[in-house]
Amino acid sequence: MREASKKVENGKLVNVELEASNTIDSIAIRGDFFIEPPKALEAIENSLEGMPVDAEKEEYVQALSRIDADLIGFDRNVLVDLLLEALGRN
């Protein structure tokens, strides 16, 4: 398992755990943040699963942008940066 965590400016903790081969096989996003609606967290994780590990940063951002969700306490760029860190691409 690969993992990356960050405490963002306003003090929210965001943690990304993933399994990957050539693609992101599974991903779990956890922390003390909020996502509205709450069910959007699963949609966010699903949007990243199956993506190539060598995708460009913008491709990950685009996948996340397709999900209608309000990320409270962090933003999509923080999430993508943690994803890249967990993949060893920081």
C-alpha atoms as a PDB file:
ATOM      1  CA  MET A   1       0.000   0.000   0.000  1.00  0.00           C
ATOM      2  CA  ARG A   2       1.148   3.510  -0.823  1.00  0.00           C
ATOM      3  CA  GLU A   3       0.165   6.449   1.330  1.00  0.00           C
ATOM      4  CA  ALA A   4       0.470  10.225   1.577  1.00  0.00           C
ATOM      5  CA  SER A   5      -0.939  12.664   4.128  1.00  0.00           C
ATOM      6  CA  LYS A   6      -1.076  16.402   4.524  1.00  0.00           C
ATOM      7  CA  LYS A   7      -2.415  18.834   7.058  1.00  0.00           C
ATOM      8  CA  VAL A   8      -3.675  21.717   4.937  1.00  0.00           C
ATOM      9  CA  GLU A   9      -3.515  25.410   5.853  1.00  0.00           C
ATOM     10  CA  ASN A  10      -6.733  25.539   7.831  1.00  0.00           C
ATOM     11  CA  GLY A  11      -5.753  22.453   9.826  1.00  0.00           C
ATOM     12  CA  LYS A  12      -7.684  19.729   8.015  1.00  0.00           C
ATOM     13  CA  LEU A  13      -5.934  16.379   7.600  1.00  0.00           C
ATOM     14  CA  VAL A  14      -6.227  14.627   4.235  1.00  0.00           C
ATOM     15  CA  ASN A  15      -4.895  11.088   3.793  1.00  0.00           C
ATOM     16  CA  VAL A  16      -4.691   9.070   0.568  1.00  0.00           C
ATOM     17  CA  GLU A  17      -4.046   5.329   0.580  1.00  0.00           C
ATOM     18  CA  LEU A  18      -3.849   3.427  -2.679  1.00  0.00           C
ATOM     19  CA  GLU A  19      -2.860   0.219  -4.372  1.00  0.00           C
ATOM     20  CA  ALA A  20      -1.458   0.536  -7.868  1.00  0.00           C
ATOM     21  CA  SER A  21       0.174  -1.410 -10.658  1.00  0.00           C
ATOM     22  CA  ASN A  22      -0.046   0.264 -14.074  1.00  0.00           C
ATOM     23  CA  THR A  23      -3.340   1.779 -12.952  1.00  0.00           C
ATOM     24  CA  ILE A  24      -4.782   2.939  -9.656  1.00  0.00           C
ATOM     25  CA  ASP A  25      -6.320  -0.329  -8.488  1.00  0.00           C
ATOM     26  CA  SER A  26      -7.937   1.028  -5.329  1.00  0.00           C
ATOM     27  CA  ILE A  27      -7.896   4.303  -3.443  1.00  0.00           C
ATOM     28  CA  ALA A  28      -9.193   5.443  -0.070  1.00  0.00           C
ATOM     29  CA  ILE A  29      -9.405   9.118   0.864  1.00  0.00           C
ATOM     30  CA  ARG A  30      -9.750   9.817   4.569  1.00  0.00           C
ATOM     31  CA  GLY A  31      -9.300  12.671   6.994  1.00  0.00           C
ATOM     32  CA  ASP A  32     -11.078  15.242   9.112  1.00  0.00           C
ATOM     33  CA  PHE A  33     -12.540  17.142   6.163  1.00  0.00           C
ATOM     34  CA  PHE A  34     -16.074  17.273   4.804  1.00  0.00           C
ATOM     35  CA  ILE A  35     -17.485  16.559   1.364  1.00  0.00           C
ATOM     36  CA  GLU A  36     -20.990  17.574   0.382  1.00  0.00           C
ATOM     37  CA  PRO A  37     -22.886  15.518  -0.445  1.00  0.00           C
ATOM     38  CA  PRO A  38     -21.171  12.819   1.666  1.00  0.00           C
ATOM     39  CA  LYS A  39     -21.820  10.130  -0.961  1.00  0.00           C
ATOM     40  CA  ALA A  40     -19.603  12.099  -3.371  1.00  0.00           C
ATOM     41  CA  LEU A  41     -16.510  10.704  -1.622  1.00  0.00           C
ATOM     42  CA  GLU A  42     -17.202   7.293  -3.121  1.00  0.00           C
ATOM     43  CA  ALA A  43     -17.739   8.885  -6.545  1.00  0.00           C
ATOM     44  CA  ILE A  44     -14.394  10.691  -6.229  1.00  0.00           C
ATOM     45  CA  GLU A  45     -12.599   7.458  -5.350  1.00  0.00           C
ATOM     46  CA  ASN A  46     -14.344   5.638  -8.202  1.00  0.00           C
ATOM     47  CA  SER A  47     -13.362   8.360 -10.676  1.00  0.00           C
ATOM     48  CA  LEU A  48      -9.673   7.808  -9.882  1.00  0.00           C
ATOM     49  CA  GLU A  49      -9.693   4.002  -9.816  1.00  0.00           C
ATOM     50  CA  GLY A  50      -8.559   2.563 -13.105  1.00  0.00           C
ATOM     51  CA  MET A  51      -6.649   5.681 -14.158  1.00  0.00           C
ATOM     52  CA  PRO A  52      -3.069   5.134 -15.340  1.00  0.00           C
ATOM     53  CA  VAL A  53      -0.401   5.836 -12.725  1.00  0.00           C
ATOM     54  CA  ASP A  54       1.520   7.869 -15.307  1.00  0.00           C
ATOM     55  CA  ALA A  55      -1.398  10.164 -16.202  1.00  0.00           C
ATOM     56  CA  GLU A  56      -0.695  13.884 -16.289  1.00  0.00           C
ATOM     57  CA  LYS A  57      -1.700  15.911 -13.251  1.00  0.00           C
ATOM     58  CA  GLU A  58      -4.346  17.705 -15.310  1.00  0.00           C
ATOM     59  CA  GLU A  59      -5.980  14.364 -16.210  1.00  0.00           C
ATOM     60  CA  TYR A  60      -6.495  13.605 -12.514  1.00  0.00           C
ATOM     61  CA  VAL A  61      -7.850  17.121 -11.924  1.00  0.00           C
ATOM     62  CA  GLN A  62     -10.268  16.690 -14.842  1.00  0.00           C
ATOM     63  CA  ALA A  63     -11.501  13.344 -13.484  1.00  0.00           C
ATOM     64  CA  LEU A  64     -12.204  14.977 -10.124  1.00  0.00           C
ATOM     65  CA  SER A  65     -13.843  18.016 -11.729  1.00  0.00           C
ATOM     66  CA  ARG A  66     -16.513  15.784 -13.268  1.00  0.00           C
ATOM     67  CA  ILE A  67     -17.799  14.947  -9.775  1.00  0.00           C
ATOM     68  CA  ASP A  68     -20.337  17.433  -8.416  1.00  0.00           C
ATOM     69  CA  ALA A  69     -19.061  17.889  -4.871  1.00  0.00           C
ATOM     70  CA  ASP A  70     -18.042  20.615  -2.468  1.00  0.00           C
ATOM     71  CA  LEU A  71     -14.734  19.778  -0.797  1.00  0.00           C
ATOM     72  CA  ILE A  72     -14.686  21.543   2.558  1.00  0.00           C
ATOM     73  CA  GLY A  73     -11.313  22.053   4.216  1.00  0.00           C
ATOM     74  CA  PHE A  74      -9.232  21.179   1.139  1.00  0.00           C
ATOM     75  CA  ASP A  75      -9.458  21.311  -2.645  1.00  0.00           C
ATOM     76  CA  ARG A  76      -8.978  19.074  -5.657  1.00  0.00           C
ATOM     77  CA  ASN A  77      -5.387  20.233  -6.167  1.00  0.00           C
ATOM     78  CA  VAL A  78      -4.423  19.094  -2.655  1.00  0.00           C
ATOM     79  CA  LEU A  79      -5.985  15.728  -3.391  1.00  0.00           C
ATOM     80  CA  VAL A  80      -4.136  15.356  -6.699  1.00  0.00           C
ATOM     81  CA  ASP A  81      -0.828  16.414  -5.098  1.00  0.00           C
ATOM     82  CA  LEU A  82      -1.295  13.710  -2.436  1.00  0.00           C
ATOM     83  CA  LEU A  83      -2.179  11.170  -5.109  1.00  0.00           C
ATOM     84  CA  LEU A  84       1.020  11.984  -6.986  1.00  0.00           C
ATOM     85  CA  GLU A  85       3.031  11.827  -3.754  1.00  0.00           C
ATOM     86  CA  ALA A  86       1.594   8.409  -2.924  1.00  0.00           C
ATOM     87  CA  LEU A  87       2.554   7.286  -6.445  1.00  0.00           C
ATOM     88  CA  GLY A  88       6.107   8.565  -5.864  1.00  0.00           C
ATOM     89  CA  ARG A  89       5.699  11.308  -8.455  1.00  0.00           C
ATOM     90  CA  ASN A  90       5.951  14.405  -6.258  1.00  0.00           C
END
